[in-house]
Amino acid sequence: MTKAGQPSILFDLSKREQCDPNEFKKMQRRLKQTYNISLAKEGLNFNDMKQHQLLVLGGPQDPFREAEINEIVKYFQTGGSVMVMLGEGGENKNGTNINYLIEQFGISINNDSLVRTSYYKYLHPKEVFVSKGILNKEIVRCARGVQKAGKKDADGNSVARRLMDIRDESKHDNTGLNFVYPYGATLNVQKPAFPLLSSGPISYPMNRPLCSTFVNPSNKNAKLVVIGSVRFFGDEFVDKEDNMKILDVLFKWAATDEVELGDYVTEESDLSEYQHVPDIGSMADKLKSCLEESEELPRDFTTLFDDTMFKFDTDNIPEAMNLYKDLSLKHEPISLITPSFETPLPPLQAATFAPSMKELPLPSLDFFDLDEQFSSQRVRLAQMTNKCSDDDLDYYVEECGEILGVDAGREGPKGILYHIFSELVKYKKHNQD
């Protein structure tokens, strides 16, 4: 039911998006408390999108047409906000071209997957727990429900509120939120876009953007949010760690004017350059020899052999014999120890009863219906008449022709009827004569 006065969110499902509110039930219940939710199943056009404050492209799996991209850009330029989600593998794995849209604003999704280099809480390496990935302190403030410093509260006591904010910031830094980033890709971000979440120092690739935003300079109401994991808001992970708080902040920033993020981005974020690592496994299978300068070989090549590294002789036997005296052991030949074998199975005993042999099968004889073989033609015709219905006319005629001994050849039922009627005509002619 649509509630008047609430912001409206449009979820696109025309490209087989993975973020379907009917399947992401926890996210749907959370958003319905504050927003009106609509679904676009037949495609996107500007007239439908302009009626909503936020358009969500949640993990598309089909490419967008150029006309649809232009409609989304037009909607964004006129003040509408857009949220884009994708999954691991980027465009190549999901079969879409969403980068064609977001690259215009300095953001792109890589064809990779984020993994955690050490186990913590979650068993699968792609279910990444990030503890130091918040790049914007405004997200932490909004998630904790702390009023912004400098704004008066209900009692007009802005000084007390400012002191509480300062004390709160001294207690928590801007990495105070933990989140789990499941089966997602990293982003490339260039100004004027700015990152909000990073992979942190423990994940790989480390310190890479995971969520970024862009604000239209000509229309501050037009905002773009890109996150590389659509399962971040799925039922399995949305209530893990602080994912639900981040969901609230992102949708509130994109669909309303209650949250400001652009003025609170860290100028020197702890982000690393994207480094490509070669495929070590395939390189190990393609070893190549290297050329090195070697020393000149001597004329007598036998000097290259080192006999001291291995030899087989009796030089150490006297030293071994002296060990008996040094260790005060009696020198005597080794006696043979009679082995005792354990019996793993009991001894065999003769069977009391004779074994049951497999009997020969019965001879394969054909079965015959004696009544059918020795019945008269009239009885057999009567049985065939009772057996068949109107739908079995061709079968009935052929069987009756076989009973009467009529061979129609290739002509089928028609030939049988023709033969029988011909005989009747001949019979009647004969009686008339």
Foldseek 3Di string as FASTA:
>chain_A
DDDPPAAEEEEEPQQVAPPDCVQQVVVVVVCVVGYHYHYHNPADALVVQLVGQEYERHAGLEEDDPVRLVRVVVSLVVQHEYEYEHFAQFCVVSVYDCQVNCVVAFKGWDRHAKFFPDDDDDDGRRFAKAQQWFQFLLLVCVLVVQDDQPDADPVRPRVVSNVVVVVVCVVDPSSHFMFTAHRFTFMGGDPPKAAGTARDDRMPVHQTGAKIKGADPVHRSRMYIYGGGSCLSHPVGCPPTSNVSSVVVVCCVNRHVPGDGSVGGDPDRPHDDDDDDDDVVVVVVVDDDDDDDDDDQDPPNVVVDDPVVDDDDCPCVVVVVCVCVVVVHDDDDDDDDDDDDDDPDDDDDDDPDDDDDDDDDDDDDDDDDVCQVPPALVVNLVVLVVVDDPVCVQVNQVVNCVSVVHDQDPPGSVSSVVVVVVVVVVVVVVVVD
